């Protein structure tokens, strides 16, 4: 599947999700993060538990943990598509903000249907699957879309 096709599917999906105007309580919104956001030089294993993040600033996880805490949303790091699907299919999740590469996002959008997924492609300054970054602004905008700009904690 070409990158151009992936980007088109992601843009179309996000436009459809915006038009659906899905609203959820913050505790029903899940931010799914790929394990490749964790910087390889970090000695903390935040892949298992986001609360172990020391917020050193080497990766995007510190900002995303802060966003989780500020908004009161669910947030987890997954190692791949199967883990992501298992988590988003749980009954406490009404809407999903997914950060991943284009290929994983497209597969996840289809697999999660009819649950709404706002897809946020990760940034890959060092190439795919290595020390990737999340677009915090796009993640926060997606959270606010689902929560209707609900008051932060």
C-alpha atoms as a PDB file:
ATOM      1  CA  UNK A   1       0.000   0.000   0.000  1.00  0.00           C
ATOM      2  CA  UNK A   2       1.548   3.308  -1.052  1.00  0.00           C
ATOM      3  CA  UNK A   3       2.165   6.201   1.320  1.00  0.00           C
ATOM      4  CA  UNK A   4      -0.033   8.398  -0.863  1.00  0.00           C
ATOM      5  CA  UNK A   5      -2.947   5.961  -0.538  1.00  0.00           C
ATOM      6  CA  UNK A   6      -2.399   5.667   3.230  1.00  0.00           C
ATOM      7  CA  UNK A   7      -2.440   9.445   3.668  1.00  0.00           C
ATOM      8  CA  UNK A   8      -5.635   9.686   1.578  1.00  0.00           C
ATOM      9  CA  UNK A   9      -7.397   7.013   3.668  1.00  0.00           C
ATOM     10  CA  UNK A  10      -6.316   8.719   6.902  1.00  0.00           C
ATOM     11  CA  UNK A  11      -7.512  12.147   5.702  1.00  0.00           C
ATOM     12  CA  UNK A  12     -10.845  10.691   4.543  1.00  0.00           C
ATOM     13  CA  UNK A  13     -11.341   8.802   7.806  1.00  0.00           C
ATOM     14  CA  UNK A  14     -10.564  11.859   9.920  1.00  0.00           C
ATOM     15  CA  UNK A  15     -12.970  14.000   7.865  1.00  0.00           C
ATOM     16  CA  UNK A  16     -15.742  11.425   8.345  1.00  0.00           C
ATOM     17  CA  UNK A  17     -15.071  11.175  12.088  1.00  0.00           C
ATOM     18  CA  UNK A  18     -15.197  14.982  12.388  1.00  0.00           C
ATOM     19  CA  UNK A  19     -18.555  15.075  10.575  1.00  0.00           C
ATOM     20  CA  UNK A  20     -19.978  12.357  12.841  1.00  0.00           C
ATOM     21  CA  UNK A  21     -19.506  14.706  15.812  1.00  0.00           C
ATOM     22  CA  UNK A  22     -18.984  11.856  18.270  1.00  0.00           C
ATOM     23  CA  UNK A  23     -18.928  13.075  21.860  1.00  0.00           C
ATOM     24  CA  UNK A  24     -17.489  11.151  24.777  1.00  0.00           C
ATOM     25  CA  UNK A  25     -16.559  11.745  28.365  1.00  0.00           C
ATOM     26  CA  UNK A  26     -12.783  12.144  28.771  1.00  0.00           C
ATOM     27  CA  UNK A  27     -12.637   8.827  30.636  1.00  0.00           C
ATOM     28  CA  UNK A  28     -14.083   7.158  27.487  1.00  0.00           C
ATOM     29  CA  UNK A  29     -11.413   8.519  25.118  1.00  0.00           C
ATOM     30  CA  UNK A  30      -8.346   6.354  24.556  1.00  0.00           C
ATOM     31  CA  UNK A  31      -5.040   7.654  23.228  1.00  0.00           C
ATOM     32  CA  UNK A  32      -3.180   4.718  21.681  1.00  0.00           C
ATOM     33  CA  UNK A  33       0.559   5.180  21.303  1.00  0.00           C
ATOM     34  CA  UNK A  34       3.147   3.044  19.523  1.00  0.00           C
ATOM     35  CA  UNK A  35       6.118   1.717  21.484  1.00  0.00           C
ATOM     36  CA  UNK A  36       8.476   3.375  18.988  1.00  0.00           C
ATOM     37  CA  UNK A  37       7.746   6.763  20.631  1.00  0.00           C
ATOM     38  CA  UNK A  38       9.939   5.630  23.529  1.00  0.00           C
ATOM     39  CA  UNK A  39      13.465   6.915  22.891  1.00  0.00           C
ATOM     40  CA  UNK A  40      15.934   4.057  22.710  1.00  0.00           C
ATOM     41  CA  UNK A  41      18.484   5.847  24.918  1.00  0.00           C
ATOM     42  CA  UNK A  42      16.028   6.158  27.810  1.00  0.00           C
ATOM     43  CA  UNK A  43      16.720   3.699  30.654  1.00  0.00           C
ATOM     44  CA  UNK A  44      13.073   3.776  31.807  1.00  0.00           C
ATOM     45  CA  UNK A  45      10.793   1.095  30.435  1.00  0.00           C
ATOM     46  CA  UNK A  46       7.736   3.288  29.983  1.00  0.00           C
ATOM     47  CA  UNK A  47       6.363   0.822  27.459  1.00  0.00           C
ATOM     48  CA  UNK A  48       4.932  -1.193  30.348  1.00  0.00           C
ATOM     49  CA  UNK A  49       3.736   1.709  32.477  1.00  0.00           C
ATOM     50  CA  UNK A  50       3.455   5.331  31.337  1.00  0.00           C
ATOM     51  CA  UNK A  51       3.695   6.508  34.939  1.00  0.00           C
ATOM     52  CA  UNK A  52       7.342   5.420  34.956  1.00  0.00           C
ATOM     53  CA  UNK A  53       8.203   8.208  32.505  1.00  0.00           C
ATOM     54  CA  UNK A  54      10.713  10.592  34.098  1.00  0.00           C
ATOM     55  CA  UNK A  55       9.682  13.301  31.648  1.00  0.00           C
ATOM     56  CA  UNK A  56      13.232  13.912  30.494  1.00  0.00           C
ATOM     57  CA  UNK A  57      12.083  15.418  27.192  1.00  0.00           C
ATOM     58  CA  UNK A  58      13.939  13.014  24.870  1.00  0.00           C
ATOM     59  CA  UNK A  59      10.689  11.767  23.386  1.00  0.00           C
ATOM     60  CA  UNK A  60       7.022  12.700  23.009  1.00  0.00           C
ATOM     61  CA  UNK A  61       5.842  10.504  25.878  1.00  0.00           C
ATOM     62  CA  UNK A  62       6.297  13.131  28.617  1.00  0.00           C
ATOM     63  CA  UNK A  63       3.972  15.569  26.860  1.00  0.00           C
ATOM     64  CA  UNK A  64       1.454  12.817  26.156  1.00  0.00           C
ATOM     65  CA  UNK A  65       1.459  11.672  29.797  1.00  0.00           C
ATOM     66  CA  UNK A  66       0.829  15.284  30.828  1.00  0.00           C
ATOM     67  CA  UNK A  67      -2.029  15.514  28.314  1.00  0.00           C
ATOM     68  CA  UNK A  68      -3.497  12.281  29.709  1.00  0.00           C
ATOM     69  CA  UNK A  69      -3.373  13.697  33.210  1.00  0.00           C
ATOM     70  CA  UNK A  70      -4.661  17.160  32.225  1.00  0.00           C
ATOM     71  CA  UNK A  71      -7.612  15.875  30.195  1.00  0.00           C
ATOM     72  CA  UNK A  72      -8.428  12.771  32.237  1.00  0.00           C
ATOM     73  CA  UNK A  73      -8.363  10.480  29.205  1.00  0.00           C
ATOM     74  CA  UNK A  74      -7.167   6.899  28.929  1.00  0.00           C
ATOM     75  CA  UNK A  75      -3.729   6.379  27.419  1.00  0.00           C
ATOM     76  CA  UNK A  76      -1.586   3.349  26.701  1.00  0.00           C
ATOM     77  CA  UNK A  77       1.460   2.278  24.743  1.00  0.00           C
ATOM     78  CA  UNK A  78       1.055  -0.797  22.566  1.00  0.00           C
ATOM     79  CA  UNK A  79       3.544  -2.976  20.772  1.00  0.00           C
ATOM     80  CA  UNK A  80       1.444  -3.559  17.681  1.00  0.00           C
ATOM     81  CA  UNK A  81      -1.945  -3.859  16.061  1.00  0.00           C
ATOM     82  CA  UNK A  82      -3.219  -6.832  18.061  1.00  0.00           C
ATOM     83  CA  UNK A  83      -2.526  -5.145  21.381  1.00  0.00           C
ATOM     84  CA  UNK A  84      -4.114  -1.939  20.109  1.00  0.00           C
ATOM     85  CA  UNK A  85      -7.273  -3.739  18.967  1.00  0.00           C
ATOM     86  CA  UNK A  86      -7.577  -5.659  22.204  1.00  0.00           C
ATOM     87  CA  UNK A  87      -7.465  -2.404  24.178  1.00  0.00           C
ATOM     88  CA  UNK A  88      -9.768  -0.325  21.984  1.00  0.00           C
ATOM     89  CA  UNK A  89     -12.413  -3.062  21.835  1.00  0.00           C
ATOM     90  CA  UNK A  90     -12.897  -2.852  25.612  1.00  0.00           C
ATOM     91  CA  UNK A  91     -16.252  -1.480  26.670  1.00  0.00           C
ATOM     92  CA  UNK A  92     -14.849   1.553  28.519  1.00  0.00           C
ATOM     93  CA  UNK A  93     -13.599   3.041  25.219  1.00  0.00           C
ATOM     94  CA  UNK A  94     -16.041   5.082  23.137  1.00  0.00           C
ATOM     95  CA  UNK A  95     -13.548   6.994  20.930  1.00  0.00           C
ATOM     96  CA  UNK A  96      -9.895   6.546  19.986  1.00  0.00           C
ATOM     97  CA  UNK A  97      -7.028   8.867  19.141  1.00  0.00           C
ATOM     98  CA  UNK A  98      -4.402   6.667  17.508  1.00  0.00           C
ATOM     99  CA  UNK A  99      -0.794   7.650  16.858  1.00  0.00           C
ATOM    100  CA  UNK A 100       1.128   5.320  14.541  1.00  0.00           C
ATOM    101  CA  UNK A 101       2.650   4.943  11.107  1.00  0.00           C
ATOM    102  CA  UNK A 102       0.333   5.144   8.105  1.00  0.00           C
ATOM    103  CA  UNK A 103       0.199   1.392   7.538  1.00  0.00           C
ATOM    104  CA  UNK A 104      -0.804   0.653  11.143  1.00  0.00           C
ATOM    105  CA  UNK A 105      -3.324   3.501  11.193  1.00  0.00           C
ATOM    106  CA  UNK A 106      -5.103   2.315   8.055  1.00  0.00           C
ATOM    107  CA  UNK A 107      -5.290  -1.251   9.359  1.00  0.00           C
ATOM    108  CA  UNK A 108      -6.515  -0.021  12.740  1.00  0.00           C
ATOM    109  CA  UNK A 109      -9.200   2.227  11.261  1.00  0.00           C
ATOM    110  CA  UNK A 110     -10.717  -0.728   9.391  1.00  0.00           C
ATOM    111  CA  UNK A 111     -10.398  -3.137  12.309  1.00  0.00           C
ATOM    112  CA  UNK A 112     -11.909  -0.714  14.843  1.00  0.00           C
ATOM    113  CA  UNK A 113     -15.006   0.106  12.785  1.00  0.00           C
ATOM    114  CA  UNK A 114     -17.604   1.271  13.819  1.00  0.00           C
ATOM    115  CA  UNK A 115     -15.725   2.809  16.756  1.00  0.00           C
ATOM    116  CA  UNK A 116     -14.486   6.279  15.742  1.00  0.00           C
ATOM    117  CA  UNK A 117     -10.720   6.623  15.383  1.00  0.00           C
ATOM    118  CA  UNK A 118      -8.955   9.924  14.831  1.00  0.00           C
ATOM    119  CA  UNK A 119      -5.679   8.940  13.188  1.00  0.00           C
ATOM    120  CA  UNK A 120      -2.519  10.952  13.871  1.00  0.00           C
ATOM    121  CA  UNK A 121       0.483   9.854  11.801  1.00  0.00           C
ATOM    122  CA  UNK A 122       3.669   9.795  13.830  1.00  0.00           C
ATOM    123  CA  UNK A 123       6.752  11.723  12.772  1.00  0.00           C
ATOM    124  CA  UNK A 124       9.790   9.667  11.777  1.00  0.00           C
ATOM    125  CA  UNK A 125      12.914  11.871  11.848  1.00  0.00           C
ATOM    126  CA  UNK A 126      15.170   8.802  12.258  1.00  0.00           C
ATOM    127  CA  UNK A 127      13.190   6.528   9.946  1.00  0.00           C
ATOM    128  CA  UNK A 128      10.303   4.183  10.689  1.00  0.00           C
ATOM    129  CA  UNK A 129       9.973   2.408  14.046  1.00  0.00           C
ATOM    130  CA  UNK A 130      12.901   4.227  15.668  1.00  0.00           C
ATOM    131  CA  UNK A 131      12.617   7.155  18.072  1.00  0.00           C
ATOM    132  CA  UNK A 132       9.459   8.445  16.429  1.00  0.00           C
ATOM    133  CA  UNK A 133       7.582  11.523  17.619  1.00  0.00           C
ATOM    134  CA  UNK A 134       3.920  12.402  18.120  1.00  0.00           C
ATOM    135  CA  UNK A 135       2.340  15.619  16.895  1.00  0.00           C
ATOM    136  CA  UNK A 136       1.072  16.831  20.274  1.00  0.00           C
ATOM    137  CA  UNK A 137      -1.085  19.551  18.739  1.00  0.00           C
ATOM    138  CA  UNK A 138      -2.884  17.034  16.521  1.00  0.00           C
ATOM    139  CA  UNK A 139      -3.392  14.631  19.437  1.00  0.00           C
ATOM    140  CA  UNK A 140      -4.833  17.371  21.653  1.00  0.00           C
ATOM    141  CA  UNK A 141      -7.095  18.614  18.852  1.00  0.00           C
ATOM    142  CA  UNK A 142      -8.440  15.071  18.409  1.00  0.00           C
ATOM    143  CA  UNK A 143      -9.054  14.690  22.150  1.00  0.00           C
ATOM    144  CA  UNK A 144     -10.910  18.005  22.199  1.00  0.00           C
ATOM    145  CA  UNK A 145     -12.942  16.972  19.163  1.00  0.00           C
ATOM    146  CA  UNK A 146     -14.251  13.937  21.042  1.00  0.00           C
ATOM    147  CA  UNK A 147     -14.687  15.637  24.405  1.00  0.00           C
ATOM    148  CA  UNK A 148     -16.248  18.770  22.956  1.00  0.00           C
ATOM    149  CA  UNK A 149     -13.495  20.820  24.552  1.00  0.00           C
ATOM    150  CA  UNK A 150     -14.482  19.483  27.975  1.00  0.00           C
ATOM    151  CA  UNK A 151     -12.855  21.258  30.877  1.00  0.00           C
ATOM    152  CA  UNK A 152      -9.431  19.963  31.728  1.00  0.00           C
ATOM    153  CA  UNK A 153      -8.850  18.605  35.233  1.00  0.00           C
END
